[in-house]
Amino acid sequence: MAKPVHSMIRVLDEERSRAYYARAFGLELAERIGFDGFALLYLRHPSSPFELELTVNFDRTEPYDLGNGYGHLAVVVDDVDAEHARFTKEGLPATPVKDFQHQGRTLARFFFATDPDGYKIEVIQKGGRFA
């Protein structure tokens, strides 16, 4: 059976992206593999083996066009309101918390964060489907 191991995004500024993901989500550098024209950075949270791969192309000077096909990454937190307050206090971009309901029942409470390259990260309250 296949096991998910990472998701990759292209970023413009290596240090800015590393700092953002460390500050926003506690992701730590697991490995950095440098090549002549690019680098692969694997970030992970201590609680999970899943990694976010950041690809940095050294000759790139313009931000990437994310197009209209990109969805989002998602993380789960114990207290979405406290996490939203932390994002706000630290000046990290975040949408308002949304109470997503279906037929009068809350399916999820979440907000979206935006990284320095414009990628969206859904921050979901732990519980229910996201236990």
Protein backbone atom coordinates (compact mmCIF):
# COMPACT_ATOMS: atom_id res chain seq x y z
CA MET A 1 0.00 0.00 0.00
CA ALA A 2 1.30 3.45 -0.88
CA LYS A 3 2.14 5.80 2.00
CA PRO A 4 2.22 9.60 1.45
CA VAL A 5 5.68 10.98 2.27
CA HIS A 6 5.82 14.58 1.03
CA SER A 7 4.27 17.39 -0.94
CA MET A 8 6.42 19.81 -2.98
CA ILE A 9 6.07 23.52 -3.64
CA ARG A 10 8.43 25.91 -5.43
CA VAL A 11 9.57 28.93 -3.44
CA LEU A 12 11.45 32.07 -4.40
CA ASP A 13 13.44 32.82 -1.23
CA GLU A 14 14.84 29.89 0.74
CA GLU A 15 15.49 31.69 4.03
CA ARG A 16 12.18 33.56 4.02
CA SER A 17 10.25 30.33 3.39
CA ARG A 18 12.18 28.33 6.00
CA ALA A 19 11.60 31.07 8.58
CA TYR A 20 7.89 31.25 7.76
CA TYR A 21 7.24 27.51 8.05
CA ALA A 22 9.26 27.29 11.28
CA ARG A 23 7.46 30.23 12.86
CA ALA A 24 3.97 29.45 11.57
CA PHE A 25 3.87 25.65 11.88
CA GLY A 26 6.96 24.49 13.80
CA LEU A 27 8.43 22.74 10.75
CA GLU A 28 12.10 21.94 11.09
CA LEU A 29 14.67 21.28 8.39
CA ALA A 30 15.05 17.51 8.07
CA GLU A 31 17.43 17.67 5.12
CA ARG A 32 18.77 20.12 2.54
CA ILE A 33 20.15 18.75 -0.72
CA GLY A 34 21.99 21.33 -2.82
CA PHE A 35 22.60 21.02 -6.54
CA ASP A 36 24.30 23.37 -9.03
CA GLY A 37 21.15 25.29 -9.94
CA PHE A 38 18.67 24.41 -7.23
CA ALA A 39 18.13 23.02 -3.73
CA LEU A 40 15.59 20.67 -2.19
CA LEU A 41 14.65 21.35 1.41
CA TYR A 42 12.64 18.81 3.38
CA LEU A 43 10.74 20.25 6.34
CA ARG A 44 8.85 18.24 8.91
CA HIS A 45 7.13 18.61 12.24
CA PRO A 46 8.52 16.46 15.08
CA SER A 47 5.10 14.80 15.48
CA SER A 48 4.85 13.54 11.89
CA PRO A 49 7.00 11.79 9.28
CA PHE A 50 5.23 13.66 6.43
CA GLU A 51 7.45 16.30 4.84
CA LEU A 52 6.98 19.51 2.94
CA GLU A 53 9.56 19.73 0.16
CA LEU A 54 10.58 23.26 -0.81
CA THR A 55 12.24 23.51 -4.22
CA VAL A 56 14.41 26.60 -4.69
CA ASN A 57 15.67 27.39 -8.19
CA PHE A 58 18.66 29.69 -7.71
CA ASP A 59 18.27 31.57 -11.00
CA ARG A 60 14.62 32.43 -10.33
CA THR A 61 14.03 36.14 -9.65
CA GLU A 62 10.26 36.49 -10.16
CA PRO A 63 7.54 34.97 -7.97
CA TYR A 64 5.91 31.82 -9.30
CA ASP A 65 2.49 32.07 -10.92
CA LEU A 66 0.37 29.76 -8.78
CA GLY A 67 -2.31 29.59 -11.46
CA ASN A 68 -5.81 28.45 -10.75
CA GLY A 69 -5.17 24.76 -10.13
CA TYR A 70 -3.41 24.82 -6.76
CA GLY A 71 -5.47 23.74 -3.76
CA HIS A 72 -3.85 23.89 -0.35
CA LEU A 73 -1.89 22.09 2.31
CA ALA A 74 -3.60 21.39 5.64
CA VAL A 75 -2.44 21.08 9.25
CA VAL A 76 -4.41 20.22 12.36
CA VAL A 77 -4.14 22.09 15.70
CA ASP A 78 -5.57 21.50 19.17
CA ASP A 79 -7.11 24.98 19.46
CA VAL A 80 -7.85 26.84 16.22
CA ASP A 81 -8.89 30.03 18.02
CA ALA A 82 -5.65 30.19 20.00
CA GLU A 83 -3.64 29.45 16.85
CA HIS A 84 -5.50 32.17 14.95
CA ALA A 85 -4.78 34.63 17.78
CA ARG A 86 -1.08 33.68 17.63
CA PHE A 87 -0.98 34.26 13.87
CA THR A 88 -2.65 37.65 14.33
CA LYS A 89 -0.27 38.63 17.15
CA GLU A 90 2.78 37.63 15.09
CA GLY A 91 1.54 39.42 11.98
CA LEU A 92 1.21 36.21 9.96
CA PRO A 93 -1.46 36.50 7.25
CA ALA A 94 -4.64 34.61 8.16
CA THR A 95 -8.28 34.68 7.10
CA PRO A 96 -11.00 34.83 9.76
CA VAL A 97 -11.89 31.52 11.44
CA LYS A 98 -14.69 29.80 9.53
CA ASP A 99 -17.26 27.48 11.06
CA PHE A 100 -17.96 25.13 8.13
CA GLN A 101 -21.40 23.56 8.55
CA HIS A 102 -23.54 21.04 6.73
CA GLN A 103 -27.19 20.47 7.65
CA GLY A 104 -26.72 22.40 10.91
CA ARG A 105 -23.68 20.37 12.01
CA THR A 106 -20.16 21.76 12.20
CA LEU A 107 -17.91 19.75 9.91
CA ALA A 108 -14.78 21.77 10.61
CA ARG A 109 -13.51 25.03 12.10
CA PHE A 110 -10.54 26.45 10.25
CA PHE A 111 -8.73 29.42 8.78
CA PHE A 112 -6.32 29.79 5.90
CA ALA A 113 -2.78 31.06 6.32
CA THR A 114 -0.78 32.38 3.36
CA ASP A 115 2.95 31.74 3.02
CA PRO A 116 5.41 34.28 1.51
CA ASP A 117 4.92 32.80 -1.98
CA GLY A 118 1.12 32.94 -1.82
CA TYR A 119 0.44 29.28 -1.03
CA LYS A 120 -2.57 28.61 1.19
CA ILE A 121 -2.36 26.43 4.29
CA GLU A 122 -5.59 25.35 5.96
CA VAL A 123 -5.33 25.33 9.77
CA ILE A 124 -8.03 22.98 11.10
CA GLN A 125 -9.35 22.45 14.63
CA LYS A 126 -8.50 18.95 15.83
CA GLY A 127 -11.53 16.73 16.28
CA GLY A 128 -14.08 14.77 14.30
CA ARG A 129 -12.59 13.76 10.97
CA PHE A 130 -9.32 15.46 11.93
CA ALA A 131 -8.74 13.69 15.26
